[in-house]
C-alpha atoms as a PDB file:
ATOM      1  CA  UNK A   1     -12.214  13.677  24.202  1.00  0.00           C
ATOM      2  CA  UNK A   2     -11.942  10.327  22.408  1.00  0.00           C
ATOM      3  CA  UNK A   3     -14.055  11.785  19.510  1.00  0.00           C
ATOM      4  CA  UNK A   4     -11.725  14.762  19.234  1.00  0.00           C
ATOM      5  CA  UNK A   5      -8.711  12.487  19.188  1.00  0.00           C
ATOM      6  CA  UNK A   6     -10.246  10.448  16.352  1.00  0.00           C
ATOM      7  CA  UNK A   7     -11.075  13.683  14.458  1.00  0.00           C
ATOM      8  CA  UNK A   8      -7.507  14.897  14.768  1.00  0.00           C
ATOM      9  CA  UNK A   9      -6.196  11.534  13.468  1.00  0.00           C
ATOM     10  CA  UNK A  10      -8.748  11.590  10.634  1.00  0.00           C
ATOM     11  CA  UNK A  11      -7.610  15.176   9.700  1.00  0.00           C
ATOM     12  CA  UNK A  12      -4.012  14.157   9.858  1.00  0.00           C
ATOM     13  CA  UNK A  13      -4.642  11.236   7.592  1.00  0.00           C
ATOM     14  CA  UNK A  14      -6.362  13.535   5.074  1.00  0.00           C
ATOM     15  CA  UNK A  15      -3.444  15.962   5.292  1.00  0.00           C
ATOM     16  CA  UNK A  16      -0.965  13.128   4.470  1.00  0.00           C
ATOM     17  CA  UNK A  17      -3.067  12.090   1.472  1.00  0.00           C
ATOM     18  CA  UNK A  18      -2.909  15.702   0.178  1.00  0.00           C
ATOM     19  CA  UNK A  19       0.841  15.802   0.842  1.00  0.00           C
ATOM     20  CA  UNK A  20       1.464  12.534  -0.958  1.00  0.00           C
ATOM     21  CA  UNK A  21      -0.538  13.799  -3.880  1.00  0.00           C
ATOM     22  CA  UNK A  22       1.238  17.085  -4.083  1.00  0.00           C
ATOM     23  CA  UNK A  23       4.805  15.692  -3.995  1.00  0.00           C
ATOM     24  CA  UNK A  24       6.049  15.229  -7.515  1.00  0.00           C
ATOM     25  CA  UNK A  25       9.719  14.582  -6.787  1.00  0.00           C
ATOM     26  CA  UNK A  26      10.488  10.934  -6.380  1.00  0.00           C
ATOM     27  CA  UNK A  27      13.660  11.414  -4.236  1.00  0.00           C
ATOM     28  CA  UNK A  28      11.935  13.948  -1.974  1.00  0.00           C
ATOM     29  CA  UNK A  29       8.936  11.552  -1.580  1.00  0.00           C
ATOM     30  CA  UNK A  30      11.339   8.731  -0.593  1.00  0.00           C
ATOM     31  CA  UNK A  31      13.172  10.968   1.896  1.00  0.00           C
ATOM     32  CA  UNK A  32       9.795  11.991   3.382  1.00  0.00           C
ATOM     33  CA  UNK A  33       8.590   8.491   3.748  1.00  0.00           C
ATOM     34  CA  UNK A  34      11.855   7.366   5.290  1.00  0.00           C
ATOM     35  CA  UNK A  35      11.365  10.132   7.914  1.00  0.00           C
ATOM     36  CA  UNK A  36       7.673   9.364   8.486  1.00  0.00           C
ATOM     37  CA  UNK A  37       7.765   5.501   8.566  1.00  0.00           C
ATOM     38  CA  UNK A  38       9.937   3.075  10.519  1.00  0.00           C
ATOM     39  CA  UNK A  39      11.942   0.540   8.510  1.00  0.00           C
ATOM     40  CA  UNK A  40       9.519  -2.107   9.605  1.00  0.00           C
ATOM     41  CA  UNK A  41       6.507  -0.068   8.360  1.00  0.00           C
ATOM     42  CA  UNK A  42       8.273   0.594   4.967  1.00  0.00           C
ATOM     43  CA  UNK A  43       8.951  -3.198   4.705  1.00  0.00           C
ATOM     44  CA  UNK A  44       5.268  -3.776   5.352  1.00  0.00           C
ATOM     45  CA  UNK A  45       4.231  -1.375   2.619  1.00  0.00           C
ATOM     46  CA  UNK A  46       6.653  -2.989   0.150  1.00  0.00           C
ATOM     47  CA  UNK A  47       5.359  -6.420   1.132  1.00  0.00           C
ATOM     48  CA  UNK A  48       1.765  -5.331   0.457  1.00  0.00           C
ATOM     49  CA  UNK A  49       2.580  -3.994  -2.948  1.00  0.00           C
ATOM     50  CA  UNK A  50       4.663  -7.140  -3.760  1.00  0.00           C
ATOM     51  CA  UNK A  51       1.703  -9.377  -2.933  1.00  0.00           C
ATOM     52  CA  UNK A  52      -0.654  -7.374  -5.061  1.00  0.00           C
ATOM     53  CA  UNK A  53       1.766  -7.635  -8.074  1.00  0.00           C
ATOM     54  CA  UNK A  54       2.203 -11.376  -7.402  1.00  0.00           C
ATOM     55  CA  UNK A  55      -1.546 -12.033  -7.186  1.00  0.00           C
ATOM     56  CA  UNK A  56      -2.002 -10.096 -10.424  1.00  0.00           C
ATOM     57  CA  UNK A  57       0.680 -12.263 -12.072  1.00  0.00           C
ATOM     58  CA  UNK A  58      -1.284 -15.377 -11.121  1.00  0.00           C
ATOM     59  CA  UNK A  59       1.062 -16.531  -8.295  1.00  0.00           C
ATOM     60  CA  UNK A  60      -0.891 -18.677  -5.835  1.00  0.00           C
ATOM     61  CA  UNK A  61      -1.447 -17.509  -2.319  1.00  0.00           C
ATOM     62  CA  UNK A  62       0.578 -20.386  -0.941  1.00  0.00           C
ATOM     63  CA  UNK A  63       3.482 -19.616  -3.277  1.00  0.00           C
ATOM     64  CA  UNK A  64       3.401 -15.945  -2.236  1.00  0.00           C
ATOM     65  CA  UNK A  65       3.456 -17.013   1.429  1.00  0.00           C
ATOM     66  CA  UNK A  66       6.391 -19.348   0.908  1.00  0.00           C
ATOM     67  CA  UNK A  67       8.445 -17.148  -1.429  1.00  0.00           C
ATOM     68  CA  UNK A  68       7.994 -13.877   0.499  1.00  0.00           C
ATOM     69  CA  UNK A  69       7.413 -15.195   4.028  1.00  0.00           C
ATOM     70  CA  UNK A  70       4.001 -13.669   4.391  1.00  0.00           C
ATOM     71  CA  UNK A  71       0.994 -14.854   6.249  1.00  0.00           C
ATOM     72  CA  UNK A  72      -1.892 -16.211   4.298  1.00  0.00           C
ATOM     73  CA  UNK A  73      -4.243 -13.930   6.136  1.00  0.00           C
ATOM     74  CA  UNK A  74      -2.477 -10.832   4.886  1.00  0.00           C
ATOM     75  CA  UNK A  75      -2.435 -12.271   1.340  1.00  0.00           C
ATOM     76  CA  UNK A  76      -6.099 -13.175   1.388  1.00  0.00           C
ATOM     77  CA  UNK A  77      -6.885  -9.643   2.578  1.00  0.00           C
ATOM     78  CA  UNK A  78      -4.829  -8.298  -0.299  1.00  0.00           C
ATOM     79  CA  UNK A  79      -6.574 -10.551  -2.727  1.00  0.00           C
ATOM     80  CA  UNK A  80     -10.002  -9.501  -1.495  1.00  0.00           C
ATOM     81  CA  UNK A  81      -9.070  -5.837  -1.866  1.00  0.00           C
ATOM     82  CA  UNK A  82      -7.732  -6.445  -5.357  1.00  0.00           C
ATOM     83  CA  UNK A  83     -10.991  -8.192  -6.455  1.00  0.00           C
ATOM     84  CA  UNK A  84     -13.373  -5.559  -5.119  1.00  0.00           C
ATOM     85  CA  UNK A  85     -15.373  -3.631  -7.651  1.00  0.00           C
ATOM     86  CA  UNK A  86     -13.633  -0.256  -8.151  1.00  0.00           C
ATOM     87  CA  UNK A  87     -10.595  -1.523  -6.254  1.00  0.00           C
ATOM     88  CA  UNK A  88      -8.014   1.251  -5.670  1.00  0.00           C
ATOM     89  CA  UNK A  89      -5.412  -1.589  -5.639  1.00  0.00           C
ATOM     90  CA  UNK A  90      -6.478  -2.657  -9.206  1.00  0.00           C
ATOM     91  CA  UNK A  91      -6.642   0.830 -10.500  1.00  0.00           C
ATOM     92  CA  UNK A  92      -3.130   1.731  -9.266  1.00  0.00           C
ATOM     93  CA  UNK A  93      -1.791  -1.583 -10.469  1.00  0.00           C
ATOM     94  CA  UNK A  94      -3.126  -0.970 -13.924  1.00  0.00           C
ATOM     95  CA  UNK A  95      -1.790   2.624 -13.916  1.00  0.00           C
ATOM     96  CA  UNK A  96       1.580   1.238 -12.884  1.00  0.00           C
ATOM     97  CA  UNK A  97       1.561  -1.383 -15.622  1.00  0.00           C
ATOM     98  CA  UNK A  98       0.614   1.143 -18.261  1.00  0.00           C
ATOM     99  CA  UNK A  99       2.748   4.066 -17.105  1.00  0.00           C
ATOM    100  CA  UNK A 100       5.353   2.371 -14.996  1.00  0.00           C
ATOM    101  CA  UNK A 101       4.616   4.977 -12.360  1.00  0.00           C
END
């Protein structure tokens, strides 16, 4: 039963990825995300994106922690993800900077 629950969760995640990919309307996407995620979850997403942009700008981890009230652990994780080879964070960040998604 536990395997089935995990499979259902995995399928649901894949479905959400497809939905996010298919939505081309910014307002509709925002409305959908506001329905799907709690205010705290949306704030967490925004914080993660903020720290990626700040790391890219050269802001130190300690400055990010102080300025945005984030844990060093979360910032370090973001930094590691950003520095991985073929990092999705890095690719999206570069797309954002070029195209201002």
